[in-house]
C-alpha atoms as a PDB file:
ATOM      1  CA  MET A   1     100.050  49.117 179.077  1.00  0.00           C
ATOM      2  CA  LYS A   2     100.881  52.171 180.993  1.00  0.00           C
ATOM      3  CA  PRO A   3     103.444  50.254 183.402  1.00  0.00           C
ATOM      4  CA  LEU A   4     104.949  48.599 180.520  1.00  0.00           C
ATOM      5  CA  ARG A   5     105.571  52.001 178.792  1.00  0.00           C
ATOM      6  CA  ILE A   6     107.004  53.493 182.101  1.00  0.00           C
ATOM      7  CA  LEU A   7     109.321  50.462 182.236  1.00  0.00           C
ATOM      8  CA  LEU A   8     110.405  50.873 178.619  1.00  0.00           C
ATOM      9  CA  TRP A   9     111.097  54.715 179.272  1.00  0.00           C
ATOM     10  CA  LEU A  10     113.164  53.854 182.323  1.00  0.00           C
ATOM     11  CA  LEU A  11     114.971  51.226 180.370  1.00  0.00           C
ATOM     12  CA  PHE A  12     115.778  53.821 177.504  1.00  0.00           C
ATOM     13  CA  ALA A  13     116.834  56.482 179.932  1.00  0.00           C
ATOM     14  CA  ALA A  14     119.318  53.947 181.571  1.00  0.00           C
ATOM     15  CA  PHE A  15     120.454  52.884 178.265  1.00  0.00           C
ATOM     16  CA  PHE A  16     121.317  56.463 177.178  1.00  0.00           C
ATOM     17  CA  LEU A  17     122.064  58.476 180.484  1.00  0.00           C
ATOM     18  CA  PHE A  18     124.254  55.764 182.100  1.00  0.00           C
ATOM     19  CA  PRO A  19     127.265  56.271 179.478  1.00  0.00           C
ATOM     20  CA  LEU A  20     126.874  60.071 180.168  1.00  0.00           C
ATOM     21  CA  TYR A  21     126.913  59.674 183.977  1.00  0.00           C
ATOM     22  CA  ALA A  22     130.060  57.558 183.485  1.00  0.00           C
ATOM     23  CA  MET A  23     131.544  60.291 181.402  1.00  0.00           C
ATOM     24  CA  ALA A  24     130.719  63.148 183.964  1.00  0.00           C
ATOM     25  CA  ASP A  25     132.085  60.780 186.680  1.00  0.00           C
ATOM     26  CA  PHE A  26     135.399  60.469 185.177  1.00  0.00           C
ATOM     27  CA  ALA A  27     135.591  64.095 183.904  1.00  0.00           C
ATOM     28  CA  THR A  28     135.148  65.228 187.469  1.00  0.00           C
ATOM     29  CA  ARG A  29     137.426  62.816 189.046  1.00  0.00           C
ATOM     30  CA  ASP A  30     140.824  63.831 190.505  1.00  0.00           C
ATOM     31  CA  LEU A  31     143.243  61.053 189.330  1.00  0.00           C
ATOM     32  CA  HIS A  32     146.245  62.101 191.355  1.00  0.00           C
ATOM     33  CA  ALA A  33     144.892  63.201 194.781  1.00  0.00           C
ATOM     34  CA  GLY A  34     141.318  61.611 194.798  1.00  0.00           C
ATOM     35  CA  GLY A  35     138.209  63.273 195.347  1.00  0.00           C
ATOM     36  CA  ARG A  36     136.390  65.599 192.950  1.00  0.00           C
ATOM     37  CA  THR A  37     137.649  68.499 190.851  1.00  0.00           C
ATOM     38  CA  ILE A  38     136.335  70.686 187.744  1.00  0.00           C
ATOM     39  CA  SER A  39     139.809  71.306 186.678  1.00  0.00           C
ATOM     40  CA  ALA A  40     139.059  69.425 183.371  1.00  0.00           C
ATOM     41  CA  TRP A  41     136.044  71.676 182.640  1.00  0.00           C
ATOM     42  CA  VAL A  42     138.088  74.716 183.442  1.00  0.00           C
ATOM     43  CA  ASN A  43     140.718  73.368 180.912  1.00  0.00           C
ATOM     44  CA  LEU A  44     138.163  73.620 178.055  1.00  0.00           C
ATOM     45  CA  PHE A  45     138.592  77.297 178.269  1.00  0.00           C
ATOM     46  CA  ALA A  46     142.030  77.572 179.827  1.00  0.00           C
ATOM     47  CA  ASP A  47     143.699  75.446 177.214  1.00  0.00           C
ATOM     48  CA  ASP A  48     144.368  77.887 174.228  1.00  0.00           C
ATOM     49  CA  ALA A  49     144.580  75.011 171.625  1.00  0.00           C
ATOM     50  CA  LEU A  50     141.206  73.620 172.699  1.00  0.00           C
ATOM     51  CA  PHE A  51     139.540  76.796 172.923  1.00  0.00           C
ATOM     52  CA  ALA A  52     140.728  77.696 169.599  1.00  0.00           C
ATOM     53  CA  ALA A  53     139.252  74.536 168.480  1.00  0.00           C
ATOM     54  CA  ILE A  54     135.972  74.964 169.837  1.00  0.00           C
ATOM     55  CA  VAL A  55     135.671  78.385 168.304  1.00  0.00           C
ATOM     56  CA  ALA A  56     136.812  76.946 164.971  1.00  0.00           C
ATOM     57  CA  SER A  57     134.285  74.065 165.290  1.00  0.00           C
ATOM     58  CA  LEU A  58     131.425  76.449 166.265  1.00  0.00           C
ATOM     59  CA  LEU A  59     132.222  79.187 163.354  1.00  0.00           C
ATOM     60  CA  LEU A  60     132.307  76.110 160.939  1.00  0.00           C
ATOM     61  CA  ALA A  61     128.788  74.941 161.962  1.00  0.00           C
ATOM     62  CA  VAL A  62     127.350  78.556 161.596  1.00  0.00           C
ATOM     63  CA  LEU A  63     129.171  78.896 157.941  1.00  0.00           C
ATOM     64  CA  THR A  64     127.992  75.410 156.942  1.00  0.00           C
ATOM     65  CA  VAL A  65     124.461  76.023 158.109  1.00  0.00           C
ATOM     66  CA  ALA A  66     124.464  79.543 156.268  1.00  0.00           C
ATOM     67  CA  ALA A  67     125.991  78.000 153.008  1.00  0.00           C
ATOM     68  CA  MET A  68     123.763  74.957 153.089  1.00  0.00           C
ATOM     69  CA  LEU A  69     120.444  76.785 153.646  1.00  0.00           C
ATOM     70  CA  ALA A  70     121.388  79.478 150.875  1.00  0.00           C
ATOM     71  CA  LEU A  71     122.276  76.594 148.540  1.00  0.00           C
ATOM     72  CA  LEU A  72     119.462  74.014 149.160  1.00  0.00           C
ATOM     73  CA  VAL A  73     116.414  75.921 150.173  1.00  0.00           C
ATOM     74  CA  PRO A  74     115.981  78.076 146.786  1.00  0.00           C
ATOM     75  CA  THR A  75     117.137  75.027 144.850  1.00  0.00           C
ATOM     76  CA  MET A  76     114.715  72.563 146.241  1.00  0.00           C
ATOM     77  CA  ILE A  77     111.876  75.223 145.876  1.00  0.00           C
ATOM     78  CA  TRP A  78     112.631  76.183 142.151  1.00  0.00           C
ATOM     79  CA  VAL A  79     112.888  72.514 141.363  1.00  0.00           C
ATOM     80  CA  ARG A  80     109.520  71.829 142.761  1.00  0.00           C
ATOM     81  CA  LEU A  81     107.860  74.640 141.035  1.00  0.00           C
ATOM     82  CA  ARG A  82     109.701  74.920 137.731  1.00  0.00           C
ATOM     83  CA  ALA A  83     111.471  71.747 136.939  1.00  0.00           C
ATOM     84  CA  PRO A  84     109.753  68.791 138.563  1.00  0.00           C
ATOM     85  CA  TRP A  85     111.715  66.578 136.292  1.00  0.00           C
ATOM     86  CA  ALA A  86     114.943  67.504 137.856  1.00  0.00           C
ATOM     87  CA  ASN A  87     113.523  66.379 141.326  1.00  0.00           C
ATOM     88  CA  ARG A  88     115.106  62.892 141.209  1.00  0.00           C
ATOM     89  CA  LEU A  89     118.458  64.281 140.064  1.00  0.00           C
ATOM     90  CA  VAL A  90     118.556  66.622 142.766  1.00  0.00           C
ATOM     91  CA  GLU A  91     117.799  64.007 145.210  1.00  0.00           C
ATOM     92  CA  PHE A  92     120.499  61.590 143.851  1.00  0.00           C
ATOM     93  CA  LEU A  93     122.998  64.318 144.103  1.00  0.00           C
ATOM     94  CA  CYS A  94     122.189  65.389 147.453  1.00  0.00           C
ATOM     95  CA  LEU A  95     122.295  61.694 148.844  1.00  0.00           C
ATOM     96  CA  LEU A  96     125.367  60.879 146.928  1.00  0.00           C
ATOM     97  CA  PRO A  97     127.770  61.790 149.637  1.00  0.00           C
ATOM     98  CA  LEU A  98     126.391  58.943 151.876  1.00  0.00           C
ATOM     99  CA  THR A  99     127.872  56.533 149.453  1.00  0.00           C
ATOM    100  CA  ILE A 100     131.247  58.117 149.264  1.00  0.00           C
ATOM    101  CA  PRO A 101     133.686  57.347 152.159  1.00  0.00           C
ATOM    102  CA  ALA A 102     135.407  60.553 153.770  1.00  0.00           C
ATOM    103  CA  LEU A 103     138.959  59.277 152.809  1.00  0.00           C
ATOM    104  CA  VAL A 104     137.813  59.251 149.056  1.00  0.00           C
ATOM    105  CA  VAL A 105     136.233  62.713 149.659  1.00  0.00           C
ATOM    106  CA  VAL A 106     139.474  63.939 150.942  1.00  0.00           C
ATOM    107  CA  VAL A 107     141.722  62.681 148.291  1.00  0.00           C
ATOM    108  CA  GLY A 108     139.458  63.478 145.460  1.00  0.00           C
ATOM    109  CA  LEU A 109     139.296  67.279 146.844  1.00  0.00           C
ATOM    110  CA  ARG A 110     143.089  67.446 147.460  1.00  0.00           C
ATOM    111  CA  ASN A 111     143.890  69.082 144.082  1.00  0.00           C
ATOM    112  CA  VAL A 112     140.822  71.603 144.587  1.00  0.00           C
ATOM    113  CA  TYR A 113     141.843  72.542 147.985  1.00  0.00           C
ATOM    114  CA  LEU A 114     145.359  73.506 146.944  1.00  0.00           C
ATOM    115  CA  TRP A 115     143.546  76.535 145.029  1.00  0.00           C
ATOM    116  CA  VAL A 116     141.068  77.048 147.980  1.00  0.00           C
ATOM    117  CA  THR A 117     144.316  77.388 150.402  1.00  0.00           C
ATOM    118  CA  TYR A 118     146.046  79.477 147.944  1.00  0.00           C
ATOM    119  CA  LEU A 119     143.129  81.954 147.787  1.00  0.00           C
ATOM    120  CA  LEU A 120     141.783  81.929 151.308  1.00  0.00           C
ATOM    121  CA  GLY A 121     144.722  80.695 153.405  1.00  0.00           C
ATOM    122  CA  GLU A 122     145.264  77.770 155.530  1.00  0.00           C
ATOM    123  CA  SER A 123     142.215  78.123 157.635  1.00  0.00           C
ATOM    124  CA  ALA A 124     139.968  75.418 159.331  1.00  0.00           C
ATOM    125  CA  LEU A 125     137.102  77.502 157.974  1.00  0.00           C
ATOM    126  CA  THR A 126     137.826  76.441 154.639  1.00  0.00           C
ATOM    127  CA  LEU A 127     136.303  73.076 155.686  1.00  0.00           C
ATOM    128  CA  THR A 128     133.144  74.697 155.188  1.00  0.00           C
ATOM    129  CA  PHE A 129     133.009  73.706 151.395  1.00  0.00           C
ATOM    130  CA  VAL A 130     133.316  70.024 152.304  1.00  0.00           C
ATOM    131  CA  TYR A 131     130.934  69.956 155.375  1.00  0.00           C
ATOM    132  CA  VAL A 132     128.361  71.588 152.939  1.00  0.00           C
ATOM    133  CA  VAL A 133     128.632  68.546 150.844  1.00  0.00           C
ATOM    134  CA  LEU A 134     128.759  66.200 153.772  1.00  0.00           C
ATOM    135  CA  VAL A 135     125.436  67.568 155.361  1.00  0.00           C
ATOM    136  CA  LEU A 136     123.494  67.641 152.296  1.00  0.00           C
ATOM    137  CA  PRO A 137     121.964  63.982 152.794  1.00  0.00           C
ATOM    138  CA  PHE A 138     120.596  64.982 156.133  1.00  0.00           C
ATOM    139  CA  ALA A 139     119.387  68.461 155.225  1.00  0.00           C
ATOM    140  CA  TYR A 140     117.700  67.521 152.162  1.00  0.00           C
ATOM    141  CA  ARG A 141     115.570  64.728 153.799  1.00  0.00           C
ATOM    142  CA  ALA A 142     114.561  67.379 156.460  1.00  0.00           C
ATOM    143  CA  LEU A 143     113.581  70.072 153.750  1.00  0.00           C
ATOM    144  CA  ASP A 144     112.175  67.755 151.506  1.00  0.00           C
ATOM    145  CA  ALA A 145     109.451  66.392 154.278  1.00  0.00           C
ATOM    146  CA  ALA A 146     108.696  69.772 155.129  1.00  0.00           C
ATOM    147  CA  LEU A 147     108.069  70.980 151.372  1.00  0.00           C
ATOM    148  CA  SER A 148     106.008  67.892 151.001  1.00  0.00           C
ATOM    149  CA  ALA A 149     103.750  68.931 153.806  1.00  0.00           C
ATOM    150  CA  ILE A 150     102.718  72.320 152.354  1.00  0.00           C
ATOM    151  CA  ASP A 151     100.854  73.296 149.040  1.00  0.00           C
ATOM    152  CA  LEU A 152     104.066  74.844 147.703  1.00  0.00           C
ATOM    153  CA  GLN A 153     102.511  75.595 144.159  1.00  0.00           C
ATOM    154  CA  THR A 154      99.427  77.305 145.800  1.00  0.00           C
ATOM    155  CA  LEU A 155     101.487  79.490 148.193  1.00  0.00           C
ATOM    156  CA  ALA A 156     103.799  80.545 145.522  1.00  0.00           C
ATOM    157  CA  GLU A 157     101.029  81.494 142.888  1.00  0.00           C
ATOM    158  CA  ALA A 158      99.133  83.493 145.512  1.00  0.00           C
ATOM    159  CA  ALA A 159     102.376  85.484 146.731  1.00  0.00           C
ATOM    160  CA  ARG A 160     103.003  86.111 142.861  1.00  0.00           C
ATOM    161  CA  SER A 161      99.740  87.264 142.184  1.00  0.00           C
ATOM    162  CA  LEU A 162      99.830  89.695 144.961  1.00  0.00           C
ATOM    163  CA  GLY A 163     103.020  91.369 143.558  1.00  0.00           C
ATOM    164  CA  ALA A 164     105.668  89.554 145.336  1.00  0.00           C
ATOM    165  CA  GLY A 165     108.934  88.733 143.653  1.00  0.00           C
ATOM    166  CA  TRP A 166     110.620  85.395 143.961  1.00  0.00           C
ATOM    167  CA  THR A 167     112.831  86.598 146.720  1.00  0.00           C
ATOM    168  CA  ALA A 168     109.895  87.885 148.733  1.00  0.00           C
ATOM    169  CA  THR A 169     107.954  84.812 148.025  1.00  0.00           C
ATOM    170  CA  ILE A 170     110.663  82.512 149.310  1.00  0.00           C
ATOM    171  CA  VAL A 171     111.709  84.358 152.290  1.00  0.00           C
ATOM    172  CA  ALA A 172     108.405  85.664 153.529  1.00  0.00           C
ATOM    173  CA  VAL A 173     106.000  83.205 152.122  1.00  0.00           C
ATOM    174  CA  ILE A 174     107.494  79.788 151.750  1.00  0.00           C
ATOM    175  CA  VAL A 175     110.294  79.708 154.419  1.00  0.00           C
ATOM    176  CA  PRO A 176     107.841  80.399 157.519  1.00  0.00           C
ATOM    177  CA  ASN A 177     105.518  77.486 156.481  1.00  0.00           C
ATOM    178  CA  ILE A 178     108.684  75.178 156.254  1.00  0.00           C
ATOM    179  CA  ARG A 179     110.331  76.786 159.539  1.00  0.00           C
ATOM    180  CA  ALA A 180     110.433  73.153 161.532  1.00  0.00           C
ATOM    181  CA  GLY A 181     112.188  71.755 158.270  1.00  0.00           C
ATOM    182  CA  VAL A 182     114.709  74.531 158.030  1.00  0.00           C
ATOM    183  CA  MET A 183     115.570  74.109 161.856  1.00  0.00           C
ATOM    184  CA  SER A 184     115.742  70.490 161.706  1.00  0.00           C
ATOM    185  CA  ALA A 185     118.198  70.677 158.685  1.00  0.00           C
ATOM    186  CA  ALA A 186     120.113  73.316 160.561  1.00  0.00           C
ATOM    187  CA  PHE A 187     120.413  71.497 163.731  1.00  0.00           C
ATOM    188  CA  ILE A 188     121.256  68.087 162.411  1.00  0.00           C
ATOM    189  CA  SER A 189     124.023  69.957 160.195  1.00  0.00           C
ATOM    190  CA  ILE A 190     125.616  71.569 163.226  1.00  0.00           C
ATOM    191  CA  ALA A 191     125.484  68.068 165.023  1.00  0.00           C
ATOM    192  CA  VAL A 192     127.339  66.464 161.918  1.00  0.00           C
ATOM    193  CA  VAL A 193     129.885  69.333 161.687  1.00  0.00           C
ATOM    194  CA  LEU A 194     130.556  69.259 165.507  1.00  0.00           C
ATOM    195  CA  GLY A 195     131.108  65.397 165.458  1.00  0.00           C
ATOM    196  CA  GLU A 196     133.062  65.096 162.181  1.00  0.00           C
ATOM    197  CA  TYR A 197     136.667  64.008 162.558  1.00  0.00           C
ATOM    198  CA  THR A 198     137.950  61.962 159.468  1.00  0.00           C
ATOM    199  CA  VAL A 199     138.047  64.936 156.953  1.00  0.00           C
ATOM    200  CA  ALA A 200     139.345  67.356 159.402  1.00  0.00           C
ATOM    201  CA  SER A 201     142.076  64.977 160.707  1.00  0.00           C
ATOM    202  CA  LEU A 202     143.119  63.826 157.120  1.00  0.00           C
ATOM    203  CA  SER A 203     143.043  67.554 155.970  1.00  0.00           C
ATOM    204  CA  GLY A 204     145.373  68.534 159.002  1.00  0.00           C
ATOM    205  CA  PHE A 205     143.001  71.148 160.628  1.00  0.00           C
ATOM    206  CA  GLN A 206     142.511  71.241 164.325  1.00  0.00           C
ATOM    207  CA  THR A 207     138.618  71.176 164.808  1.00  0.00           C
ATOM    208  CA  LEU A 208     137.189  70.144 168.243  1.00  0.00           C
ATOM    209  CA  PRO A 209     137.082  66.406 167.500  1.00  0.00           C
ATOM    210  CA  VAL A 210     140.629  66.242 166.210  1.00  0.00           C
ATOM    211  CA  GLN A 211     141.920  68.237 169.306  1.00  0.00           C
ATOM    212  CA  ILE A 212     139.823  65.954 171.545  1.00  0.00           C
ATOM    213  CA  VAL A 213     141.564  63.018 170.439  1.00  0.00           C
ATOM    214  CA  GLU A 214     145.031  64.729 170.649  1.00  0.00           C
ATOM    215  CA  ILE A 215     144.131  65.817 174.434  1.00  0.00           C
ATOM    216  CA  GLY A 216     143.057  62.205 175.091  1.00  0.00           C
ATOM    217  CA  LYS A 217     146.677  60.988 174.488  1.00  0.00           C
ATOM    218  CA  SER A 218     147.868  63.020 177.504  1.00  0.00           C
ATOM    219  CA  ASP A 219     144.962  64.376 179.455  1.00  0.00           C
ATOM    220  CA  GLY A 220     141.813  61.825 179.609  1.00  0.00           C
ATOM    221  CA  PRO A 221     139.398  63.925 181.859  1.00  0.00           C
ATOM    222  CA  THR A 222     139.602  67.136 179.758  1.00  0.00           C
ATOM    223  CA  SER A 223     138.969  64.944 176.571  1.00  0.00           C
ATOM    224  CA  VAL A 224     135.956  63.286 178.119  1.00  0.00           C
ATOM    225  CA  ALA A 225     134.853  66.670 179.350  1.00  0.00           C
ATOM    226  CA  ALA A 226     134.985  68.132 175.842  1.00  0.00           C
ATOM    227  CA  SER A 227     133.096  65.058 174.406  1.00  0.00           C
ATOM    228  CA  LEU A 228     130.489  65.047 177.018  1.00  0.00           C
ATOM    229  CA  ALA A 229     130.121  69.013 176.377  1.00  0.00           C
ATOM    230  CA  THR A 230     129.751  68.360 172.633  1.00  0.00           C
ATOM    231  CA  LEU A 231     127.116  65.507 173.427  1.00  0.00           C
ATOM    232  CA  ILE A 232     125.059  67.716 175.810  1.00  0.00           C
ATOM    233  CA  PHE A 233     125.005  70.511 173.074  1.00  0.00           C
ATOM    234  CA  GLY A 234     123.766  68.070 170.667  1.00  0.00           C
ATOM    235  CA  PHE A 235     121.025  66.640 173.046  1.00  0.00           C
ATOM    236  CA  VAL A 236     119.844  70.450 173.787  1.00  0.00           C
ATOM    237  CA  LEU A 237     119.601  71.203 170.314  1.00  0.00           C
ATOM    238  CA  LEU A 238     117.360  67.962 169.405  1.00  0.00           C
ATOM    239  CA  PHE A 239     115.382  68.960 172.523  1.00  0.00           C
ATOM    240  CA  VAL A 240     114.745  72.530 171.267  1.00  0.00           C
ATOM    241  CA  LEU A 241     113.940  70.955 167.917  1.00  0.00           C
ATOM    242  CA  SER A 242     111.531  68.746 169.332  1.00  0.00           C
ATOM    243  CA  LEU A 243     109.853  71.451 171.148  1.00  0.00           C
ATOM    244  CA  VAL A 244     109.716  73.615 168.049  1.00  0.00           C
ATOM    245  CA  THR A 245     108.187  70.981 165.842  1.00  0.00           C
ATOM    246  CA  ARG A 246     105.668  69.818 168.537  1.00  0.00           C
ATOM    247  CA  ARG A 247     104.287  73.606 168.754  1.00  0.00           C
ATOM    248  CA  ARG A 248     104.147  73.834 165.027  1.00  0.00           C
ATOM    249  CA  ARG A 249     102.077  70.508 164.886  1.00  0.00           C
ATOM    250  CA  PRO A 250      98.228  71.181 164.388  1.00  0.00           C
END
């Protein structure tokens, strides 16, 4: 069975790595003079519009993760401890964005975003509100699995009996025990934000995916380099996640 396992690993590696190699080959190719060049990678920081889009997407990822965790973690803990009857309702609401196309989300939020734009300005960072909704299904599943793996009721009662308030119970007792689930939710949310194109494009904001498409119309190597950098960043996040969850595993 071991040779078969090695063969399968090699096939999977070739299937996933060959497209990345092709992207790297194209992104380092000089289409005019021939040979190799790193000008496409330099353009990631030299192109002001692309660099601004990268910064905007990274800030969006940070704000989305922070807002999602602040909203979802206390809500899920409170529902499990104080209102188990609402567990199915919360699950339904969190998974609902999976059934709604992005186009419908943009059209439905257009009137709401008129007020958001009026109060906060026309910044791409206002997409945080939409992205929090979009990442809810993925974050909910990660946190739900983590909370199901611990004795939440016992931990909360023990902390409360020792005089801890609800904030201290959640932050100092429960969250460390679901650290793997929190990191899973955060990393998956970052990957979703960095790859989201439809909502940002239809809303008229220049995020990284939108800018990659725009650059691809005139500068293919730079567009491919930016796409490859995003993929590598996502793979690194997933690799770190696998290491963290493996260390936490008994």
